[in-house]
Amino acid sequence: MIGYTTLGTNDLDRATAFYDELLGLLGAKRAMSFPRGHLWSTGTGQPMFGVLMPYDGQPASVGNGTMIALACPDSATIDALHAKALALGGRDEGAPGERFPGFYAAYCRDLDGNKLAFMRFG
């Protein structure tokens, strides 16, 4: 159902380096690039995740209540993504763990303060 999601950034080079490394752990590569941003995907026809400078030219800001959840194949990948995000300068918003039976997740904020979740059901 989701084609792509985007988050705003005020420093495209810094955000690009962060997401190149982070999303690489999921096997994602840049699928589209243009002057205002980049979109990553795990393959043709798969949903994309992007980081962009806002189209209106105003500073990017964090949406209150906005979060992008990235599906992961297993808890080890979630643990690795959370650790990598923090190592790259992200901020912890919830250590990896089971939130309720059958739902394992971890939460962080990227370099611009956007909230991310790494999660799996089952």
PDB file of N, CA and C in Angstrom:
ATOM      1  N   MET A   1       0.814  -1.188   0.000  1.00  0.00           N
ATOM      2  CA  MET A   1       0.000   0.000   0.000  1.00  0.00           C
ATOM      3  C   MET A   1       0.860   1.256   0.000  1.00  0.00           C
ATOM      4  N   ILE A   2       1.969   1.278   0.705  1.00  0.00           N
ATOM      5  CA  ILE A   2       2.805   2.478   0.755  1.00  0.00           C
ATOM      6  C   ILE A   2       3.787   2.456  -0.409  1.00  0.00           C
ATOM      7  N   GLY A   3       3.824   3.530  -1.167  1.00  0.00           N
ATOM      8  CA  GLY A   3       4.764   3.679  -2.272  1.00  0.00           C
ATOM      9  C   GLY A   3       6.088   4.243  -1.791  1.00  0.00           C
ATOM     10  N   TYR A   4       6.007   5.332  -1.005  1.00  0.00           N
ATOM     11  CA  TYR A   4       7.216   5.905  -0.406  1.00  0.00           C
ATOM     12  C   TYR A   4       6.826   6.807   0.751  1.00  0.00           C
ATOM     13  N   THR A   5       7.795   7.034   1.619  1.00  0.00           N
ATOM     14  CA  THR A   5       7.656   7.985   2.712  1.00  0.00           C
ATOM     15  C   THR A   5       8.852   8.919   2.637  1.00  0.00           C
ATOM     16  N   THR A   6       8.708  10.116   3.158  1.00  0.00           N
ATOM     17  CA  THR A   6       9.838  11.043   3.201  1.00  0.00           C
ATOM     18  C   THR A   6       9.899  11.738   4.553  1.00  0.00           C
ATOM     19  N   LEU A   7      11.110  12.096   4.930  1.00  0.00           N
ATOM     20  CA  LEU A   7      11.367  12.920   6.099  1.00  0.00           C
ATOM     21  C   LEU A   7      12.166  14.126   5.637  1.00  0.00           C
ATOM     22  N   GLY A   8      11.987  15.235   6.331  1.00  0.00           N
ATOM     23  CA  GLY A   8      12.714  16.442   5.973  1.00  0.00           C
ATOM     24  C   GLY A   8      14.075  16.508   6.630  1.00  0.00           C
ATOM     25  N   THR A   9      14.980  17.235   5.993  1.00  0.00           N
ATOM     26  CA  THR A   9      16.300  17.483   6.552  1.00  0.00           C
ATOM     27  C   THR A   9      16.712  18.921   6.277  1.00  0.00           C
ATOM     28  N   ASN A  10      17.558  19.430   7.158  1.00  0.00           N
ATOM     29  CA  ASN A  10      18.157  20.750   6.953  1.00  0.00           C
ATOM     30  C   ASN A  10      19.605  20.630   6.529  1.00  0.00           C
ATOM     31  N   ASP A  11      20.135  19.415   6.461  1.00  0.00           N
ATOM     32  CA  ASP A  11      21.518  19.166   6.044  1.00  0.00           C
ATOM     33  C   ASP A  11      21.517  17.884   5.218  1.00  0.00           C
ATOM     34  N   LEU A  12      21.326  18.033   3.924  1.00  0.00           N
ATOM     35  CA  LEU A  12      21.158  16.878   3.050  1.00  0.00           C
ATOM     36  C   LEU A  12      22.389  15.981   3.036  1.00  0.00           C
ATOM     37  N   ASP A  13      23.585  16.544   2.997  1.00  0.00           N
ATOM     38  CA  ASP A  13      24.789  15.709   2.965  1.00  0.00           C
ATOM     39  C   ASP A  13      24.903  14.851   4.225  1.00  0.00           C
ATOM     40  N   ARG A  14      24.664  15.441   5.374  1.00  0.00           N
ATOM     41  CA  ARG A  14      24.752  14.719   6.642  1.00  0.00           C
ATOM     42  C   ARG A  14      23.674  13.631   6.720  1.00  0.00           C
ATOM     43  N   ALA A  15      22.448  13.977   6.337  1.00  0.00           N
ATOM     44  CA  ALA A  15      21.349  13.007   6.359  1.00  0.00           C
ATOM     45  C   ALA A  15      21.605  11.865   5.377  1.00  0.00           C
ATOM     46  N   THR A  16      22.151  12.183   4.207  1.00  0.00           N
ATOM     47  CA  THR A  16      22.435  11.158   3.199  1.00  0.00           C
ATOM     48  C   THR A  16      23.460  10.166   3.716  1.00  0.00           C
ATOM     49  N   ALA A  17      24.518  10.645   4.341  1.00  0.00           N
ATOM     50  CA  ALA A  17      25.540   9.751   4.894  1.00  0.00           C
ATOM     51  C   ALA A  17      24.928   8.853   5.976  1.00  0.00           C
ATOM     52  N   PHE A  18      24.080   9.427   6.833  1.00  0.00           N
ATOM     53  CA  PHE A  18      23.410   8.674   7.897  1.00  0.00           C
ATOM     54  C   PHE A  18      22.556   7.559   7.303  1.00  0.00           C
ATOM     55  N   TYR A  19      21.705   7.879   6.334  1.00  0.00           N
ATOM     56  CA  TYR A  19      20.786   6.889   5.774  1.00  0.00           C
ATOM     57  C   TYR A  19      21.465   5.912   4.817  1.00  0.00           C
ATOM     58  N   ASP A  20      22.537   6.320   4.129  1.00  0.00           N
ATOM     59  CA  ASP A  20      23.282   5.353   3.321  1.00  0.00           C
ATOM     60  C   ASP A  20      23.764   4.201   4.199  1.00  0.00           C
ATOM     61  N   GLU A  21      24.358   4.534   5.333  1.00  0.00           N
ATOM     62  CA  GLU A  21      24.873   3.494   6.242  1.00  0.00           C
ATOM     63  C   GLU A  21      23.751   2.730   6.931  1.00  0.00           C
ATOM     64  N   LEU A  22      22.776   3.466   7.464  1.00  0.00           N
ATOM     65  CA  LEU A  22      21.704   2.829   8.220  1.00  0.00           C
ATOM     66  C   LEU A  22      20.866   1.899   7.346  1.00  0.00           C
ATOM     67  N   LEU A  23      20.377   2.399   6.240  1.00  0.00           N
ATOM     68  CA  LEU A  23      19.498   1.604   5.387  1.00  0.00           C
ATOM     69  C   LEU A  23      20.246   0.508   4.643  1.00  0.00           C
ATOM     70  N   GLY A  24      21.563   0.666   4.524  1.00  0.00           N
ATOM     71  CA  GLY A  24      22.380  -0.396   3.943  1.00  0.00           C
ATOM     72  C   GLY A  24      22.272  -1.690   4.731  1.00  0.00           C
ATOM     73  N   LEU A  25      22.029  -1.588   6.050  1.00  0.00           N
ATOM     74  CA  LEU A  25      21.858  -2.782   6.879  1.00  0.00           C
ATOM     75  C   LEU A  25      20.607  -3.566   6.496  1.00  0.00           C
ATOM     76  N   LEU A  26      19.660  -2.915   5.840  1.00  0.00           N
ATOM     77  CA  LEU A  26      18.447  -3.589   5.349  1.00  0.00           C
ATOM     78  C   LEU A  26      18.573  -3.996   3.884  1.00  0.00           C
ATOM     79  N   GLY A  27      19.732  -3.745   3.299  1.00  0.00           N
ATOM     80  CA  GLY A  27      19.928  -4.055   1.887  1.00  0.00           C
ATOM     81  C   GLY A  27      19.378  -2.992   0.959  1.00  0.00           C
ATOM     82  N   ALA A  28      19.044  -1.824   1.500  1.00  0.00           N
ATOM     83  CA  ALA A  28      18.497  -0.739   0.673  1.00  0.00           C
ATOM     84  C   ALA A  28      19.629   0.058   0.030  1.00  0.00           C
ATOM     85  N   LYS A  29      19.362   0.490  -1.180  1.00  0.00           N
ATOM     86  CA  LYS A  29      20.287   1.339  -1.930  1.00  0.00           C
ATOM     87  C   LYS A  29      19.518   2.542  -2.452  1.00  0.00           C
ATOM     88  N   ARG A  30      20.245   3.574  -2.805  1.00  0.00           N
ATOM     89  CA  ARG A  30      19.572   4.738  -3.385  1.00  0.00           C
ATOM     90  C   ARG A  30      18.885   4.334  -4.680  1.00  0.00           C
ATOM     91  N   ALA A  31      17.592   4.607  -4.752  1.00  0.00           N
ATOM     92  CA  ALA A  31      16.796   4.275  -5.931  1.00  0.00           C
ATOM     93  C   ALA A  31      16.565   5.505  -6.800  1.00  0.00           C
ATOM     94  N   MET A  32      16.533   6.674  -6.172  1.00  0.00           N
ATOM     95  CA  MET A  32      16.328   7.938  -6.884  1.00  0.00           C
ATOM     96  C   MET A  32      17.123   9.022  -6.168  1.00  0.00           C
ATOM     97  N   SER A  33      17.712   9.909  -6.947  1.00  0.00           N
ATOM     98  CA  SER A  33      18.425  11.058  -6.384  1.00  0.00           C
ATOM     99  C   SER A  33      18.125  12.276  -7.232  1.00  0.00           C
ATOM    100  N   PHE A  34      18.002  13.403  -6.567  1.00  0.00           N
ATOM    101  CA  PHE A  34      17.781  14.668  -7.235  1.00  0.00           C
ATOM    102  C   PHE A  34      18.316  15.759  -6.317  1.00  0.00           C
ATOM    103  N   PRO A  35      18.407  17.005  -6.766  1.00  0.00           N
ATOM    104  CA  PRO A  35      19.061  18.042  -5.959  1.00  0.00           C
ATOM    105  C   PRO A  35      18.506  18.219  -4.543  1.00  0.00           C
ATOM    106  N   ARG A  36      17.227  17.993  -4.341  1.00  0.00           N
ATOM    107  CA  ARG A  36      16.610  18.196  -3.018  1.00  0.00           C
ATOM    108  C   ARG A  36      16.646  16.974  -2.122  1.00  0.00           C
ATOM    109  N   GLY A  37      17.037  15.792  -2.641  1.00  0.00           N
ATOM    110  CA  GLY A  37      17.028  14.633  -1.776  1.00  0.00           C
ATOM    111  C   GLY A  37      17.269  13.311  -2.464  1.00  0.00           C
ATOM    112  N   HIS A  38      17.060  12.251  -1.694  1.00  0.00           N
ATOM    113  CA  HIS A  38      17.301  10.889  -2.159  1.00  0.00           C
ATOM    114  C   HIS A  38      16.209   9.962  -1.632  1.00  0.00           C
ATOM    115  N   LEU A  39      15.955   8.900  -2.377  1.00  0.00           N
ATOM    116  CA  LEU A  39      15.033   7.841  -1.966  1.00  0.00           C
ATOM    117  C   LEU A  39      15.785   6.511  -2.033  1.00  0.00           C
ATOM    118  N   TRP A  40      15.605   5.686  -1.004  1.00  0.00           N
ATOM    119  CA  TRP A  40      16.238   4.372  -0.930  1.00  0.00           C
ATOM    120  C   TRP A  40      15.158   3.306  -1.050  1.00  0.00           C
ATOM    121  N   SER A  41      15.569   2.127  -1.567  1.00  0.00           N
ATOM    122  CA  SER A  41      14.645   1.008  -1.684  1.00  0.00           C
ATOM    123  C   SER A  41      15.438  -0.290  -1.657  1.00  0.00           C
ATOM    124  N   THR A  42      14.744  -1.370  -1.323  1.00  0.00           N
ATOM    125  CA  THR A  42      15.373  -2.691  -1.351  1.00  0.00           C
ATOM    126  C   THR A  42      15.220  -3.361  -2.713  1.00  0.00           C
ATOM    127  N   GLY A  43      14.481  -2.747  -3.634  1.00  0.00           N
ATOM    128  CA  GLY A  43      14.358  -3.322  -4.967  1.00  0.00           C
ATOM    129  C   GLY A  43      13.244  -2.694  -5.775  1.00  0.00           C
ATOM    130  N   THR A  44      13.248  -2.962  -7.062  1.00  0.00           N
ATOM    131  CA  THR A  44      12.241  -2.445  -7.970  1.00  0.00           C
ATOM    132  C   THR A  44      10.846  -2.866  -7.511  1.00  0.00           C
ATOM    133  N   GLY A  45       9.949  -1.909  -7.453  1.00  0.00           N
ATOM    134  CA  GLY A  45       8.577  -2.181  -7.055  1.00  0.00           C
ATOM    135  C   GLY A  45       8.362  -2.221  -5.547  1.00  0.00           C
ATOM    136  N   GLN A  46       9.427  -2.067  -4.775  1.00  0.00           N
ATOM    137  CA  GLN A  46       9.322  -2.060  -3.317  1.00  0.00           C
ATOM    138  C   GLN A  46       9.123  -0.624  -2.822  1.00  0.00           C
ATOM    139  N   PRO A  47       8.531  -0.445  -1.643  1.00  0.00           N
ATOM    140  CA  PRO A  47       8.367   0.904  -1.099  1.00  0.00           C
ATOM    141  C   PRO A  47       9.724   1.600  -0.954  1.00  0.00           C
ATOM    142  N   MET A  48       9.690   2.912  -1.032  1.00  0.00           N
ATOM    143  CA  MET A  48      10.910   3.695  -0.901  1.00  0.00           C
ATOM    144  C   MET A  48      10.835   4.579   0.339  1.00  0.00           C
ATOM    145  N   PHE A  49      12.006   4.908   0.862  1.00  0.00           N
ATOM    146  CA  PHE A  49      12.161   5.787   2.013  1.00  0.00           C
ATOM    147  C   PHE A  49      13.044   6.934   1.565  1.00  0.00           C
ATOM    148  N   GLY A  50      12.590   8.168   1.791  1.00  0.00           N
ATOM    149  CA  GLY A  50      13.352   9.310   1.321  1.00  0.00           C
ATOM    150  C   GLY A  50      13.662  10.336   2.391  1.00  0.00           C
ATOM    151  N   VAL A  51      14.689  11.105   2.114  1.00  0.00           N
ATOM    152  CA  VAL A  51      15.031  12.263   2.935  1.00  0.00           C
ATOM    153  C   VAL A  51      15.205  13.431   1.961  1.00  0.00           C
ATOM    154  N   LEU A  52      14.519  14.543   2.273  1.00  0.00           N
ATOM    155  CA  LEU A  52      14.446  15.662   1.336  1.00  0.00           C
ATOM    156  C   LEU A  52      14.586  17.004   2.040  1.00  0.00           C
ATOM    157  N   MET A  53      15.117  17.956   1.314  1.00  0.00           N
ATOM    158  CA  MET A  53      15.026  19.347   1.730  1.00  0.00           C
ATOM    159  C   MET A  53      13.597  19.776   1.398  1.00  0.00           C
ATOM    160  N   PRO A  54      12.890  20.455   2.298  1.00  0.00           N
ATOM    161  CA  PRO A  54      11.499  20.827   2.026  1.00  0.00           C
ATOM    162  C   PRO A  54      11.331  21.609   0.721  1.00  0.00           C
ATOM    163  N   TYR A  55      10.304  21.239  -0.017  1.00  0.00           N
ATOM    164  CA  TYR A  55      10.003  21.854  -1.307  1.00  0.00           C
ATOM    165  C   TYR A  55       9.738  23.352  -1.189  1.00  0.00           C
ATOM    166  N   ASP A  56       9.101  23.780  -0.091  1.00  0.00           N
ATOM    167  CA  ASP A  56       8.746  25.190   0.055  1.00  0.00           C
ATOM    168  C   ASP A  56       9.910  26.074   0.472  1.00  0.00           C
ATOM    169  N   GLY A  57      11.091  25.494   0.678  1.00  0.00           N
ATOM    170  CA  GLY A  57      12.259  26.274   1.030  1.00  0.00           C
ATOM    171  C   GLY A  57      12.348  26.667   2.496  1.00  0.00           C
ATOM    172  N   GLN A  58      11.326  26.323   3.267  1.00  0.00           N
ATOM    173  CA  GLN A  58      11.341  26.610   4.698  1.00  0.00           C
ATOM    174  C   GLN A  58      12.160  25.532   5.413  1.00  0.00           C
ATOM    175  N   PRO A  59      12.608  25.810   6.637  1.00  0.00           N
ATOM    176  CA  PRO A  59      13.365  24.795   7.370  1.00  0.00           C
ATOM    177  C   PRO A  59      12.526  23.547   7.629  1.00  0.00           C
ATOM    178  N   ALA A  60      13.184  22.397   7.565  1.00  0.00           N
ATOM    179  CA  ALA A  60      12.521  21.138   7.919  1.00  0.00           C
ATOM    180  C   ALA A  60      12.260  21.144   9.413  1.00  0.00           C
ATOM    181  N   SER A  61      11.140  20.567   9.807  1.00  0.00           N
ATOM    182  CA  SER A  61      10.809  20.443  11.227  1.00  0.00           C
ATOM    183  C   SER A  61      10.248  19.052  11.485  1.00  0.00           C
ATOM    184  N   VAL A  62      10.318  18.642  12.737  1.00  0.00           N
ATOM    185  CA  VAL A  62       9.851  17.319  13.140  1.00  0.00           C
ATOM    186  C   VAL A  62       8.350  17.372  13.385  1.00  0.00           C
ATOM    187  N   GLY A  63       7.623  16.433  12.837  1.00  0.00           N
ATOM    188  CA  GLY A  63       6.184  16.364  13.070  1.00  0.00           C
ATOM    189  C   GLY A  63       5.888  15.719  14.410  1.00  0.00           C
ATOM    190  N   ASN A  64       5.106  16.379  15.227  1.00  0.00           N
ATOM    191  CA  ASN A  64       4.723  15.814  16.518  1.00  0.00           C
ATOM    192  C   ASN A  64       3.762  14.660  16.275  1.00  0.00           C
ATOM    193  N   GLY A  65       4.172  13.462  16.687  1.00  0.00           N
ATOM    194  CA  GLY A  65       3.363  12.274  16.455  1.00  0.00           C
ATOM    195  C   GLY A  65       3.712  11.551  15.171  1.00  0.00           C
ATOM    196  N   THR A  66       4.621  12.099  14.378  1.00  0.00           N
ATOM    197  CA  THR A  66       5.039  11.469  13.130  1.00  0.00           C
ATOM    198  C   THR A  66       6.175  10.491  13.398  1.00  0.00           C
ATOM    199  N   MET A  67       6.080   9.303  12.809  1.00  0.00           N
ATOM    200  CA  MET A  67       7.119   8.292  12.952  1.00  0.00           C
ATOM    201  C   MET A  67       7.066   7.392  11.727  1.00  0.00           C
ATOM    202  N   ILE A  68       8.222   6.996  11.256  1.00  0.00           N
ATOM    203  CA  ILE A  68       8.326   6.033  10.168  1.00  0.00           C
ATOM    204  C   ILE A  68       8.801   4.725  10.772  1.00  0.00           C
ATOM    205  N   ALA A  69       8.053   3.645  10.552  1.00  0.00           N
ATOM    206  CA  ALA A  69       8.423   2.324  11.051  1.00  0.00           C
ATOM    207  C   ALA A  69       8.955   1.486   9.891  1.00  0.00           C
ATOM    208  N   LEU A  70      10.161   0.970  10.057  1.00  0.00           N
ATOM    209  CA  LEU A  70      10.795   0.143   9.039  1.00  0.00           C
ATOM    210  C   LEU A  70      10.705  -1.320   9.445  1.00  0.00           C
ATOM    211  N   ALA A  71      10.089  -2.131   8.595  1.00  0.00           N
ATOM    212  CA  ALA A  71       9.929  -3.557   8.866  1.00  0.00           C
ATOM    213  C   ALA A  71      11.268  -4.263   8.749  1.00  0.00           C
ATOM    214  N   CYS A  72      11.539  -5.149   9.689  1.00  0.00           N
ATOM    215  CA  CYS A  72      12.799  -5.879   9.745  1.00  0.00           C
ATOM    216  C   CYS A  72      12.537  -7.380   9.768  1.00  0.00           C
ATOM    217  N   PRO A  73      13.476  -8.170   9.254  1.00  0.00           N
ATOM    218  CA  PRO A  73      13.248  -9.614   9.188  1.00  0.00           C
ATOM    219  C   PRO A  73      13.372 -10.337  10.527  1.00  0.00           C
ATOM    220  N   ASP A  74      14.130  -9.748  11.485  1.00  0.00           N
ATOM    221  CA  ASP A  74      14.343 -10.440  12.754  1.00  0.00           C
ATOM    222  C   ASP A  74      14.825  -9.452  13.815  1.00  0.00           C
ATOM    223  N   SER A  75      14.866  -9.926  15.067  1.00  0.00           N
ATOM    224  CA  SER A  75      15.260  -9.047  16.171  1.00  0.00           C
ATOM    225  C   SER A  75      16.731  -8.654  16.087  1.00  0.00           C
ATOM    226  N   ALA A  76      17.582  -9.522  15.547  1.00  0.00           N
ATOM    227  CA  ALA A  76      19.000  -9.179  15.412  1.00  0.00           C
ATOM    228  C   ALA A  76      19.187  -7.973  14.492  1.00  0.00           C
ATOM    229  N   THR A  77      18.399  -7.895  13.437  1.00  0.00           N
ATOM    230  CA  THR A  77      18.473  -6.744  12.526  1.00  0.00           C
ATOM    231  C   THR A  77      17.996  -5.486  13.236  1.00  0.00           C
ATOM    232  N   ILE A  78      16.949  -5.596  14.022  1.00  0.00           N
ATOM    233  CA  ILE A  78      16.449  -4.449  14.791  1.00  0.00           C
ATOM    234  C   ILE A  78      17.526  -3.963  15.751  1.00  0.00           C
ATOM    235  N   ASP A  79      18.141  -4.893  16.460  1.00  0.00           N
ATOM    236  CA  ASP A  79      19.211  -4.538  17.390  1.00  0.00           C
ATOM    237  C   ASP A  79      20.350  -3.825  16.657  1.00  0.00           C
ATOM    238  N   ALA A  80      20.745  -4.359  15.490  1.00  0.00           N
ATOM    239  CA  ALA A  80      21.842  -3.778  14.714  1.00  0.00           C
ATOM    240  C   ALA A  80      21.491  -2.388  14.186  1.00  0.00           C
ATOM    241  N   LEU A  81      20.269  -2.207  13.695  1.00  0.00           N
ATOM    242  CA  LEU A  81      19.843  -0.899  13.193  1.00  0.00           C
ATOM    243  C   LEU A  81      19.827   0.140  14.309  1.00  0.00           C
ATOM    244  N   HIS A  82      19.302  -0.218  15.457  1.00  0.00           N
ATOM    245  CA  HIS A  82      19.255   0.708  16.593  1.00  0.00           C
ATOM    246  C   HIS A  82      20.672   1.103  17.003  1.00  0.00           C
ATOM    247  N   ALA A  83      21.560   0.119  17.131  1.00  0.00           N
ATOM    248  CA  ALA A  83      22.949   0.400  17.504  1.00  0.00           C
ATOM    249  C   ALA A  83      23.636   1.270  16.460  1.00  0.00           C
ATOM    250  N   LYS A  84      23.414   0.998  15.180  1.00  0.00           N
ATOM    251  CA  LYS A  84      24.036   1.773  14.099  1.00  0.00           C
ATOM    252  C   LYS A  84      23.534   3.206  14.112  1.00  0.00           C
ATOM    253  N   ALA A  85      22.225   3.387  14.296  1.00  0.00           N
ATOM    254  CA  ALA A  85      21.663   4.743  14.339  1.00  0.00           C
ATOM    255  C   ALA A  85      22.308   5.551  15.462  1.00  0.00           C
ATOM    256  N   LEU A  86      22.477   4.948  16.627  1.00  0.00           N
ATOM    257  CA  LEU A  86      23.094   5.661  17.744  1.00  0.00           C
ATOM    258  C   LEU A  86      24.568   5.937  17.471  1.00  0.00           C
ATOM    259  N   ALA A  87      25.268   4.968  16.866  1.00  0.00           N
ATOM    260  CA  ALA A  87      26.682   5.155  16.537  1.00  0.00           C
ATOM    261  C   ALA A  87      26.876   6.279  15.515  1.00  0.00           C
ATOM    262  N   LEU A  88      25.880   6.484  14.658  1.00  0.00           N
ATOM    263  CA  LEU A  88      25.950   7.539  13.642  1.00  0.00           C
ATOM    264  C   LEU A  88      25.502   8.901  14.171  1.00  0.00           C
ATOM    265  N   GLY A  89      25.158   8.964  15.447  1.00  0.00           N
ATOM    266  CA  GLY A  89      24.760  10.239  16.043  1.00  0.00           C
ATOM    267  C   GLY A  89      23.280  10.386  16.313  1.00  0.00           C
ATOM    268  N   GLY A  90      22.489   9.357  16.026  1.00  0.00           N
ATOM    269  CA  GLY A  90      21.063   9.395  16.330  1.00  0.00           C
ATOM    270  C   GLY A  90      20.833   9.354  17.839  1.00  0.00           C
ATOM    271  N   ARG A  91      19.614   9.615  18.244  1.00  0.00           N
ATOM    272  CA  ARG A  91      19.254   9.666  19.666  1.00  0.00           C
ATOM    273  C   ARG A  91      18.292   8.531  20.009  1.00  0.00           C
ATOM    274  N   ASP A  92      18.549   7.856  21.116  1.00  0.00           N
ATOM    275  CA  ASP A  92      17.714   6.750  21.562  1.00  0.00           C
ATOM    276  C   ASP A  92      16.334   7.241  21.977  1.00  0.00           C
ATOM    277  N   GLU A  93      15.295   6.526  21.538  1.00  0.00           N
ATOM    278  CA  GLU A  93      13.914   6.813  21.938  1.00  0.00           C
ATOM    279  C   GLU A  93      13.237   5.561  22.481  1.00  0.00           C
ATOM    280  N   GLY A  94      14.000   4.484  22.651  1.00  0.00           N
ATOM    281  CA  GLY A  94      13.455   3.232  23.169  1.00  0.00           C
ATOM    282  C   GLY A  94      14.311   2.063  22.725  1.00  0.00           C
ATOM    283  N   ALA A  95      14.995   1.452  23.668  1.00  0.00           N
ATOM    284  CA  ALA A  95      15.903   0.342  23.372  1.00  0.00           C
ATOM    285  C   ALA A  95      15.153  -0.839  22.756  1.00  0.00           C
ATOM    286  N   PRO A  96      15.860  -1.681  22.015  1.00  0.00           N
ATOM    287  CA  PRO A  96      15.235  -2.863  21.431  1.00  0.00           C
ATOM    288  C   PRO A  96      14.620  -3.767  22.499  1.00  0.00           C
ATOM    289  N   GLY A  97      13.460  -4.320  22.176  1.00  0.00           N
ATOM    290  CA  GLY A  97      12.815  -5.249  23.087  1.00  0.00           C
ATOM    291  C   GLY A  97      11.403  -5.566  22.643  1.00  0.00           C
ATOM    292  N   GLU A  98      10.830  -6.564  23.293  1.00  0.00           N
ATOM    293  CA  GLU A  98       9.449  -6.946  22.996  1.00  0.00           C
ATOM    294  C   GLU A  98       8.507  -5.965  23.688  1.00  0.00           C
ATOM    295  N   ARG A  99       7.662  -5.324  22.917  1.00  0.00           N
ATOM    296  CA  ARG A  99       6.726  -4.334  23.453  1.00  0.00           C
ATOM    297  C   ARG A  99       5.455  -5.000  23.956  1.00  0.00           C
ATOM    298  N   PHE A 100       5.026  -6.021  23.256  1.00  0.00           N
ATOM    299  CA  PHE A 100       3.931  -6.888  23.670  1.00  0.00           C
ATOM    300  C   PHE A 100       4.141  -8.204  22.937  1.00  0.00           C
ATOM    301  N   PRO A 101       3.500  -9.279  23.342  1.00  0.00           N
ATOM    302  CA  PRO A 101       3.753 -10.575  22.708  1.00  0.00           C
ATOM    303  C   PRO A 101       3.648 -10.512  21.181  1.00  0.00           C
ATOM    304  N   GLY A 102       4.729 -10.914  20.526  1.00  0.00           N
ATOM    305  CA  GLY A 102       4.752 -10.942  19.076  1.00  0.00           C
ATOM    306  C   GLY A 102       5.151  -9.648  18.403  1.00  0.00           C
ATOM    307  N   PHE A 103       5.517  -8.620  19.173  1.00  0.00           N
ATOM    308  CA  PHE A 103       5.939  -7.343  18.569  1.00  0.00           C
ATOM    309  C   PHE A 103       7.250  -6.910  19.206  1.00  0.00           C
ATOM    310  N   TYR A 104       8.314  -6.914  18.397  1.00  0.00           N
ATOM    311  CA  TYR A 104       9.656  -6.522  18.843  1.00  0.00           C
ATOM    312  C   TYR A 104      10.015  -5.241  18.114  1.00  0.00           C
ATOM    313  N   ALA A 105      10.533  -4.254  18.847  1.00  0.00           N
ATOM    314  CA  ALA A 105      10.807  -2.956  18.217  1.00  0.00           C
ATOM    315  C   ALA A 105      11.897  -2.198  18.958  1.00  0.00           C
ATOM    316  N   ALA A 106      12.445  -1.197  18.275  1.00  0.00           N
ATOM    317  CA  ALA A 106      13.371  -0.235  18.856  1.00  0.00           C
ATOM    318  C   ALA A 106      13.062   1.114  18.223  1.00  0.00           C
ATOM    319  N   TYR A 107      13.366   2.185  18.930  1.00  0.00           N
ATOM    320  CA  TYR A 107      13.020   3.532  18.478  1.00  0.00           C
ATOM    321  C   TYR A 107      14.218   4.458  18.610  1.00  0.00           C
ATOM    322  N   CYS A 108      14.346   5.384  17.661  1.00  0.00           N
ATOM    323  CA  CYS A 108      15.412   6.383  17.724  1.00  0.00           C
ATOM    324  C   CYS A 108      14.980   7.622  16.946  1.00  0.00           C
ATOM    325  N   ARG A 109      15.784   8.650  17.046  1.00  0.00           N
ATOM    326  CA  ARG A 109      15.612   9.854  16.232  1.00  0.00           C
ATOM    327  C   ARG A 109      16.857  10.025  15.372  1.00  0.00           C
ATOM    328  N   ASP A 110      16.650  10.454  14.134  1.00  0.00           N
ATOM    329  CA  ASP A 110      17.775  10.681  13.239  1.00  0.00           C
ATOM    330  C   ASP A 110      18.452  12.003  13.578  1.00  0.00           C
ATOM    331  N   LEU A 111      19.382  12.426  12.747  1.00  0.00           N
ATOM    332  CA  LEU A 111      20.165  13.628  13.018  1.00  0.00           C
ATOM    333  C   LEU A 111      19.349  14.912  12.973  1.00  0.00           C
ATOM    334  N   ASP A 112      18.192  14.879  12.313  1.00  0.00           N
ATOM    335  CA  ASP A 112      17.301  16.040  12.263  1.00  0.00           C
ATOM    336  C   ASP A 112      16.197  15.960  13.309  1.00  0.00           C
ATOM    337  N   GLY A 113      16.165  14.880  14.085  1.00  0.00           N
ATOM    338  CA  GLY A 113      15.141  14.714  15.117  1.00  0.00           C
ATOM    339  C   GLY A 113      13.911  13.953  14.671  1.00  0.00           C
ATOM    340  N   ASN A 114      13.903  13.420  13.447  1.00  0.00           N
ATOM    341  CA  ASN A 114      12.782  12.613  12.953  1.00  0.00           C
ATOM    342  C   ASN A 114      12.770  11.271  13.668  1.00  0.00           C
ATOM    343  N   LYS A 115      11.584  10.800  14.065  1.00  0.00           N
ATOM    344  CA  LYS A 115      11.476   9.551  14.808  1.00  0.00           C
ATOM    345  C   LYS A 115      11.355   8.353  13.871  1.00  0.00           C
ATOM    346  N   LEU A 116      12.152   7.320  14.167  1.00  0.00           N
ATOM    347  CA  LEU A 116      12.149   6.071  13.427  1.00  0.00           C
ATOM    348  C   LEU A 116      11.844   4.922  14.364  1.00  0.00           C
ATOM    349  N   ALA A 117      11.177   3.913  13.843  1.00  0.00           N
ATOM    350  CA  ALA A 117      10.991   2.645  14.545  1.00  0.00           C
ATOM    351  C   ALA A 117      11.529   1.549  13.646  1.00  0.00           C
ATOM    352  N   PHE A 118      12.166   0.571  14.263  1.00  0.00           N
ATOM    353  CA  PHE A 118      12.578  -0.654  13.587  1.00  0.00           C
ATOM    354  C   PHE A 118      11.746  -1.747  14.246  1.00  0.00           C
ATOM    355  N   MET A 119      11.013  -2.534  13.451  1.00  0.00           N
ATOM    356  CA  MET A 119      10.031  -3.425  14.074  1.00  0.00           C
ATOM    357  C   MET A 119       9.809  -4.708  13.287  1.00  0.00           C
ATOM    358  N   ARG A 120       9.235  -5.686  14.017  1.00  0.00           N
ATOM    359  CA  ARG A 120       8.773  -6.917  13.384  1.00  0.00           C
ATOM    360  C   ARG A 120       7.618  -7.490  14.212  1.00  0.00           C
ATOM    361  N   PHE A 121       6.687  -8.081  13.516  1.00  0.00           N
ATOM    362  CA  PHE A 121       5.606  -8.839  14.156  1.00  0.00           C
ATOM    363  C   PHE A 121       5.954 -10.309  14.034  1.00  0.00           C
ATOM    364  N   GLY A 122       5.611 -11.078  15.054  1.00  0.00           N
ATOM    365  CA  GLY A 122       5.818 -12.517  14.991  1.00  0.00           C
ATOM    366  C   GLY A 122       7.056 -12.970  15.699  1.00  0.00           C
TER     367      GLY A 122
END
